[in-house]
Amino acid sequence: MPGRGAWLTPTVEAYELAVKRRAFRRALRLERDPDTSAVIEYLRGQTSPTGPTGQGHEHQDMTEQAERLMDN
């Protein structure tokens, strides 16, 4: 449906938490969980220990902020 989307911090940990909380389904207002296998494949392909942007600590702060927002 037009205008629907979901934001995800690009880490495997954030992905796993989103799947656990069914955040994709809720954010996209779907009746069942979507196939997110391409997302996890992409995230696992990012091999840098600080993430794809090279911002380790800042990246962790973004993950924590995203988790707090998902709780609301």
PDB file of N, CA and C in Angstrom:
ATOM      1  N   MET A   1       0.838  -1.175   0.000  1.00  0.00           N
ATOM      2  CA  MET A   1       0.000   0.000   0.000  1.00  0.00           C
ATOM      3  C   MET A   1       0.884   1.239   0.000  1.00  0.00           C
ATOM      4  N   PRO A   2       0.546   2.249  -0.752  1.00  0.00           N
ATOM      5  CA  PRO A   2       1.350   3.462  -0.822  1.00  0.00           C
ATOM      6  C   PRO A   2       1.459   4.167   0.528  1.00  0.00           C
ATOM      7  N   GLY A   3       2.634   4.732   0.773  1.00  0.00           N
ATOM      8  CA  GLY A   3       2.827   5.539   1.968  1.00  0.00           C
ATOM      9  C   GLY A   3       3.201   4.774   3.215  1.00  0.00           C
ATOM     10  N   ARG A   4       3.294   3.467   3.140  1.00  0.00           N
ATOM     11  CA  ARG A   4       3.657   2.684   4.317  1.00  0.00           C
ATOM     12  C   ARG A   4       5.113   2.287   4.230  1.00  0.00           C
ATOM     13  N   GLY A   5       5.774   2.318   5.370  1.00  0.00           N
ATOM     14  CA  GLY A   5       7.177   1.950   5.410  1.00  0.00           C
ATOM     15  C   GLY A   5       7.590   1.619   6.830  1.00  0.00           C
ATOM     16  N   ALA A   6       8.792   1.091   6.955  1.00  0.00           N
ATOM     17  CA  ALA A   6       9.328   0.744   8.268  1.00  0.00           C
ATOM     18  C   ALA A   6      10.794   1.127   8.295  1.00  0.00           C
ATOM     19  N   TRP A   7      11.241   1.727   9.381  1.00  0.00           N
ATOM     20  CA  TRP A   7      12.625   2.142   9.546  1.00  0.00           C
ATOM     21  C   TRP A   7      13.306   1.138  10.457  1.00  0.00           C
ATOM     22  N   LEU A   8      14.542   0.769  10.116  1.00  0.00           N
ATOM     23  CA  LEU A   8      15.272  -0.214  10.911  1.00  0.00           C
ATOM     24  C   LEU A   8      16.730   0.201  11.013  1.00  0.00           C
ATOM     25  N   THR A   9      17.265   0.213  12.220  1.00  0.00           N
ATOM     26  CA  THR A   9      18.695   0.423  12.403  1.00  0.00           C
ATOM     27  C   THR A   9      19.404  -0.749  11.726  1.00  0.00           C
ATOM     28  N   PRO A  10      20.403  -0.494  10.886  1.00  0.00           N
ATOM     29  CA  PRO A  10      21.009  -1.574  10.090  1.00  0.00           C
ATOM     30  C   PRO A  10      21.967  -2.466  10.881  1.00  0.00           C
ATOM     31  N   THR A  11      21.416  -3.192  11.855  1.00  0.00           N
ATOM     32  CA  THR A  11      22.208  -4.166  12.612  1.00  0.00           C
ATOM     33  C   THR A  11      21.403  -5.458  12.718  1.00  0.00           C
ATOM     34  N   VAL A  12      22.112  -6.563  12.851  1.00  0.00           N
ATOM     35  CA  VAL A  12      21.446  -7.851  13.020  1.00  0.00           C
ATOM     36  C   VAL A  12      20.655  -7.851  14.323  1.00  0.00           C
ATOM     37  N   GLU A  13      21.200  -7.232  15.355  1.00  0.00           N
ATOM     38  CA  GLU A  13      20.517  -7.186  16.654  1.00  0.00           C
ATOM     39  C   GLU A  13      19.181  -6.459  16.553  1.00  0.00           C
ATOM     40  N   ALA A  14      19.166  -5.322  15.868  1.00  0.00           N
ATOM     41  CA  ALA A  14      17.921  -4.567  15.707  1.00  0.00           C
ATOM     42  C   ALA A  14      16.913  -5.363  14.879  1.00  0.00           C
ATOM     43  N   TYR A  15      17.412  -6.045  13.848  1.00  0.00           N
ATOM     44  CA  TYR A  15      16.540  -6.881  13.024  1.00  0.00           C
ATOM     45  C   TYR A  15      15.891  -7.983  13.869  1.00  0.00           C
ATOM     46  N   GLU A  16      16.707  -8.684  14.647  1.00  0.00           N
ATOM     47  CA  GLU A  16      16.186  -9.781  15.466  1.00  0.00           C
ATOM     48  C   GLU A  16      15.153  -9.279  16.466  1.00  0.00           C
ATOM     49  N   LEU A  17      15.394  -8.109  17.037  1.00  0.00           N
ATOM     50  CA  LEU A  17      14.442  -7.533  17.975  1.00  0.00           C
ATOM     51  C   LEU A  17      13.139  -7.163  17.261  1.00  0.00           C
ATOM     52  N   ALA A  18      13.256  -6.599  16.065  1.00  0.00           N
ATOM     53  CA  ALA A  18      12.069  -6.226  15.291  1.00  0.00           C
ATOM     54  C   ALA A  18      11.237  -7.460  14.937  1.00  0.00           C
ATOM     55  N   VAL A  19      11.897  -8.541  14.564  1.00  0.00           N
ATOM     56  CA  VAL A  19      11.182  -9.779  14.246  1.00  0.00           C
ATOM     57  C   VAL A  19      10.505 -10.319  15.501  1.00  0.00           C
ATOM     58  N   LYS A  20      11.230 -10.322  16.614  1.00  0.00           N
ATOM     59  CA  LYS A  20      10.685 -10.823  17.880  1.00  0.00           C
ATOM     60  C   LYS A  20       9.437 -10.044  18.289  1.00  0.00           C
ATOM     61  N   ARG A  21       9.478  -8.740  18.084  1.00  0.00           N
ATOM     62  CA  ARG A  21       8.351  -7.884  18.476  1.00  0.00           C
ATOM     63  C   ARG A  21       7.288  -7.748  17.380  1.00  0.00           C
ATOM     64  N   ARG A  22       7.525  -8.414  16.257  1.00  0.00           N
ATOM     65  CA  ARG A  22       6.622  -8.321  15.098  1.00  0.00           C
ATOM     66  C   ARG A  22       6.447  -6.873  14.645  1.00  0.00           C
ATOM     67  N   ALA A  23       7.535  -6.125  14.706  1.00  0.00           N
ATOM     68  CA  ALA A  23       7.500  -4.706  14.369  1.00  0.00           C
ATOM     69  C   ALA A  23       7.251  -4.460  12.888  1.00  0.00           C
ATOM     70  N   PHE A  24       7.760  -5.332  12.019  1.00  0.00           N
ATOM     71  CA  PHE A  24       7.518  -5.147  10.582  1.00  0.00           C
ATOM     72  C   PHE A  24       6.023  -5.247  10.298  1.00  0.00           C
ATOM     73  N   ARG A  25       5.426  -6.262  10.847  1.00  0.00           N
ATOM     74  CA  ARG A  25       3.987  -6.483  10.645  1.00  0.00           C
ATOM     75  C   ARG A  25       3.183  -5.284  11.146  1.00  0.00           C
ATOM     76  N   ARG A  26       3.520  -4.808  12.320  1.00  0.00           N
ATOM     77  CA  ARG A  26       2.790  -3.692  12.930  1.00  0.00           C
ATOM     78  C   ARG A  26       3.014  -2.400  12.158  1.00  0.00           C
ATOM     79  N   ALA A  27       4.284  -2.115  11.812  1.00  0.00           N
ATOM     80  CA  ALA A  27       4.598  -0.868  11.113  1.00  0.00           C
ATOM     81  C   ALA A  27       3.958  -0.819   9.728  1.00  0.00           C
ATOM     82  N   LEU A  28       3.919  -1.960   9.072  1.00  0.00           N
ATOM     83  CA  LEU A  28       3.368  -2.020   7.721  1.00  0.00           C
ATOM     84  C   LEU A  28       1.877  -2.347   7.699  1.00  0.00           C
ATOM     85  N   ARG A  29       1.319  -2.551   8.888  1.00  0.00           N
ATOM     86  CA  ARG A  29      -0.105  -2.859   9.053  1.00  0.00           C
ATOM     87  C   ARG A  29      -0.529  -4.050   8.200  1.00  0.00           C
ATOM     88  N   LEU A  30       0.191  -5.142   8.371  1.00  0.00           N
ATOM     89  CA  LEU A  30      -0.081  -6.367   7.632  1.00  0.00           C
ATOM     90  C   LEU A  30      -0.808  -7.370   8.507  1.00  0.00           C
ATOM     91  N   GLU A  31      -1.497  -8.314   7.893  1.00  0.00           N
ATOM     92  CA  GLU A  31      -2.202  -9.349   8.640  1.00  0.00           C
ATOM     93  C   GLU A  31      -1.280 -10.473   9.077  1.00  0.00           C
ATOM     94  N   ARG A  32      -0.129 -10.628   8.396  1.00  0.00           N
ATOM     95  CA  ARG A  32       0.838 -11.654   8.782  1.00  0.00           C
ATOM     96  C   ARG A  32       2.246 -11.099   8.601  1.00  0.00           C
ATOM     97  N   ASP A  33       3.220 -11.785   9.171  1.00  0.00           N
ATOM     98  CA  ASP A  33       4.605 -11.332   9.088  1.00  0.00           C
ATOM     99  C   ASP A  33       5.102 -11.370   7.643  1.00  0.00           C
ATOM    100  N   PRO A  34       5.766 -10.306   7.192  1.00  0.00           N
ATOM    101  CA  PRO A  34       6.299 -10.297   5.824  1.00  0.00           C
ATOM    102  C   PRO A  34       7.579 -11.120   5.720  1.00  0.00           C
ATOM    103  N   ASP A  35       7.960 -11.474   4.511  1.00  0.00           N
ATOM    104  CA  ASP A  35       9.213 -12.176   4.266  1.00  0.00           C
ATOM    105  C   ASP A  35      10.336 -11.141   4.325  1.00  0.00           C
ATOM    106  N   THR A  36      11.155 -11.223   5.350  1.00  0.00           N
ATOM    107  CA  THR A  36      12.250 -10.262   5.519  1.00  0.00           C
ATOM    108  C   THR A  36      13.606 -10.925   5.335  1.00  0.00           C
ATOM    109  N   SER A  37      13.629 -12.045   4.643  1.00  0.00           N
ATOM    110  CA  SER A  37      14.878 -12.791   4.466  1.00  0.00           C
ATOM    111  C   SER A  37      15.939 -11.972   3.728  1.00  0.00           C
ATOM    112  N   ALA A  38      15.539 -11.128   2.788  1.00  0.00           N
ATOM    113  CA  ALA A  38      16.509 -10.299   2.067  1.00  0.00           C
ATOM    114  C   ALA A  38      17.149  -9.275   3.006  1.00  0.00           C
ATOM    115  N   VAL A  39      16.400  -8.803   3.982  1.00  0.00           N
ATOM    116  CA  VAL A  39      16.923  -7.823   4.937  1.00  0.00           C
ATOM    117  C   VAL A  39      18.034  -8.450   5.778  1.00  0.00           C
ATOM    118  N   ILE A  40      17.783  -9.627   6.323  1.00  0.00           N
ATOM    119  CA  ILE A  40      18.795 -10.265   7.174  1.00  0.00           C
ATOM    120  C   ILE A  40      20.010 -10.682   6.348  1.00  0.00           C
ATOM    121  N   GLU A  41      19.808 -11.101   5.113  1.00  0.00           N
ATOM    122  CA  GLU A  41      20.948 -11.441   4.254  1.00  0.00           C
ATOM    123  C   GLU A  41      21.822 -10.208   4.028  1.00  0.00           C
ATOM    124  N   TYR A  42      21.196  -9.073   3.790  1.00  0.00           N
ATOM    125  CA  TYR A  42      21.938  -7.828   3.595  1.00  0.00           C
ATOM    126  C   TYR A  42      22.714  -7.460   4.857  1.00  0.00           C
ATOM    127  N   LEU A  43      22.046  -7.507   5.995  1.00  0.00           N
ATOM    128  CA  LEU A  43      22.692  -7.129   7.253  1.00  0.00           C
ATOM    129  C   LEU A  43      23.855  -8.044   7.589  1.00  0.00           C
ATOM    130  N   ARG A  44      23.706  -9.332   7.349  1.00  0.00           N
ATOM    131  CA  ARG A  44      24.795 -10.277   7.619  1.00  0.00           C
ATOM    132  C   ARG A  44      25.958 -10.068   6.661  1.00  0.00           C
ATOM    133  N   GLY A  45      25.697  -9.492   5.500  1.00  0.00           N
ATOM    134  CA  GLY A  45      26.747  -9.204   4.533  1.00  0.00           C
ATOM    135  C   GLY A  45      27.593  -8.004   4.909  1.00  0.00           C
ATOM    136  N   GLN A  46      27.120  -7.212   5.845  1.00  0.00           N
ATOM    137  CA  GLN A  46      27.871  -6.056   6.330  1.00  0.00           C
ATOM    138  C   GLN A  46      28.864  -6.550   7.372  1.00  0.00           C
ATOM    139  N   THR A  47      30.143  -6.662   7.003  1.00  0.00           N
ATOM    140  CA  THR A  47      31.122  -7.324   7.869  1.00  0.00           C
ATOM    141  C   THR A  47      31.889  -6.395   8.786  1.00  0.00           C
ATOM    142  N   SER A  48      31.780  -5.098   8.607  1.00  0.00           N
ATOM    143  CA  SER A  48      32.537  -4.165   9.435  1.00  0.00           C
ATOM    144  C   SER A  48      32.049  -4.236  10.878  1.00  0.00           C
ATOM    145  N   PRO A  49      32.959  -4.321  11.871  1.00  0.00           N
ATOM    146  CA  PRO A  49      32.535  -4.401  13.268  1.00  0.00           C
ATOM    147  C   PRO A  49      31.818  -3.151  13.754  1.00  0.00           C
ATOM    148  N   THR A  50      32.019  -2.030  13.090  1.00  0.00           N
ATOM    149  CA  THR A  50      31.344  -0.803  13.498  1.00  0.00           C
ATOM    150  C   THR A  50      30.138  -0.517  12.637  1.00  0.00           C
ATOM    151  N   GLY A  51      29.819  -1.402  11.715  1.00  0.00           N
ATOM    152  CA  GLY A  51      28.667  -1.209  10.852  1.00  0.00           C
ATOM    153  C   GLY A  51      29.060  -0.591   9.535  1.00  0.00           C
ATOM    154  N   PRO A  52      28.109  -0.493   8.603  1.00  0.00           N
ATOM    155  CA  PRO A  52      28.410  -0.022   7.267  1.00  0.00           C
ATOM    156  C   PRO A  52      28.842   1.434   7.206  1.00  0.00           C
ATOM    157  N   THR A  53      28.496   2.239   8.208  1.00  0.00           N
ATOM    158  CA  THR A  53      28.856   3.653   8.168  1.00  0.00           C
ATOM    159  C   THR A  53      30.148   3.950   8.904  1.00  0.00           C
ATOM    160  N   GLY A  54      30.700   2.962   9.614  1.00  0.00           N
ATOM    161  CA  GLY A  54      31.934   3.170  10.356  1.00  0.00           C
ATOM    162  C   GLY A  54      31.757   3.989  11.615  1.00  0.00           C
ATOM    163  N   GLN A  55      30.548   4.029  12.160  1.00  0.00           N
ATOM    164  CA  GLN A  55      30.253   4.841  13.337  1.00  0.00           C
ATOM    165  C   GLN A  55      29.792   3.936  14.476  1.00  0.00           C
ATOM    166  N   GLY A  56      30.732   3.276  15.132  1.00  0.00           N
ATOM    167  CA  GLY A  56      30.417   2.301  16.158  1.00  0.00           C
ATOM    168  C   GLY A  56      29.568   2.805  17.301  1.00  0.00           C
ATOM    169  N   HIS A  57      30.060   3.766  18.085  1.00  0.00           N
ATOM    170  CA  HIS A  57      29.338   4.235  19.270  1.00  0.00           C
ATOM    171  C   HIS A  57      28.060   4.967  18.875  1.00  0.00           C
ATOM    172  N   GLU A  58      28.139   5.851  17.905  1.00  0.00           N
ATOM    173  CA  GLU A  58      26.956   6.587  17.455  1.00  0.00           C
ATOM    174  C   GLU A  58      25.905   5.617  16.929  1.00  0.00           C
ATOM    175  N   HIS A  59      26.356   4.574  16.247  1.00  0.00           N
ATOM    176  CA  HIS A  59      25.450   3.575  15.698  1.00  0.00           C
ATOM    177  C   HIS A  59      24.711   2.859  16.819  1.00  0.00           C
ATOM    178  N   GLN A  60      25.403   2.526  17.916  1.00  0.00           N
ATOM    179  CA  GLN A  60      24.774   1.877  19.060  1.00  0.00           C
ATOM    180  C   GLN A  60      23.734   2.793  19.685  1.00  0.00           C
ATOM    181  N   ASP A  61      24.025   4.089  19.783  1.00  0.00           N
ATOM    182  CA  ASP A  61      23.068   5.037  20.332  1.00  0.00           C
ATOM    183  C   ASP A  61      21.799   5.072  19.496  1.00  0.00           C
ATOM    184  N   MET A  62      21.949   4.999  18.175  1.00  0.00           N
ATOM    185  CA  MET A  62      20.789   4.987  17.288  1.00  0.00           C
ATOM    186  C   MET A  62      19.952   3.733  17.507  1.00  0.00           C
ATOM    187  N   THR A  63      20.601   2.604  17.746  1.00  0.00           N
ATOM    188  CA  THR A  63      19.888   1.359  17.991  1.00  0.00           C
ATOM    189  C   THR A  63      19.062   1.471  19.265  1.00  0.00           C
ATOM    190  N   GLU A  64      19.649   2.007  20.320  1.00  0.00           N
ATOM    191  CA  GLU A  64      18.919   2.164  21.579  1.00  0.00           C
ATOM    192  C   GLU A  64      17.744   3.109  21.410  1.00  0.00           C
ATOM    193  N   GLN A  65      17.926   4.174  20.661  1.00  0.00           N
ATOM    194  CA  GLN A  65      16.835   5.122  20.416  1.00  0.00           C
ATOM    195  C   GLN A  65      15.714   4.436  19.631  1.00  0.00           C
ATOM    196  N   ALA A  66      16.061   3.658  18.650  1.00  0.00           N
ATOM    197  CA  ALA A  66      15.056   2.954  17.844  1.00  0.00           C
ATOM    198  C   ALA A  66      14.270   1.970  18.710  1.00  0.00           C
ATOM    199  N   GLU A  67      14.959   1.274  19.601  1.00  0.00           N
ATOM    200  CA  GLU A  67      14.266   0.332  20.483  1.00  0.00           C
ATOM    201  C   GLU A  67      13.275   1.046  21.378  1.00  0.00           C
ATOM    202  N   ARG A  68      13.655   2.213  21.889  1.00  0.00           N
ATOM    203  CA  ARG A  68      12.729   2.975  22.732  1.00  0.00           C
ATOM    204  C   ARG A  68      11.503   3.412  21.928  1.00  0.00           C
ATOM    205  N   LEU A  69      11.717   3.819  20.681  1.00  0.00           N
ATOM    206  CA  LEU A  69      10.600   4.248  19.843  1.00  0.00           C
ATOM    207  C   LEU A  69       9.655   3.095  19.514  1.00  0.00           C
ATOM    208  N   MET A  70      10.222   1.886  19.349  1.00  0.00           N
ATOM    209  CA  MET A  70       9.377   0.730  19.038  1.00  0.00           C
ATOM    210  C   MET A  70       8.482   0.374  20.211  1.00  0.00           C
ATOM    211  N   ASP A  71       8.906   0.715  21.431  1.00  0.00           N
ATOM    212  CA  ASP A  71       8.100   0.412  22.606  1.00  0.00           C
ATOM    213  C   ASP A  71       6.862   1.294  22.690  1.00  0.00           C
ATOM    214  N   ASN A  72       6.891   2.431  22.030  1.00  0.00           N
ATOM    215  CA  ASN A  72       5.767   3.376  22.108  1.00  0.00           C
ATOM    216  C   ASN A  72       4.679   3.066  21.131  1.00  0.00           C
TER     217      ASN A  72
END
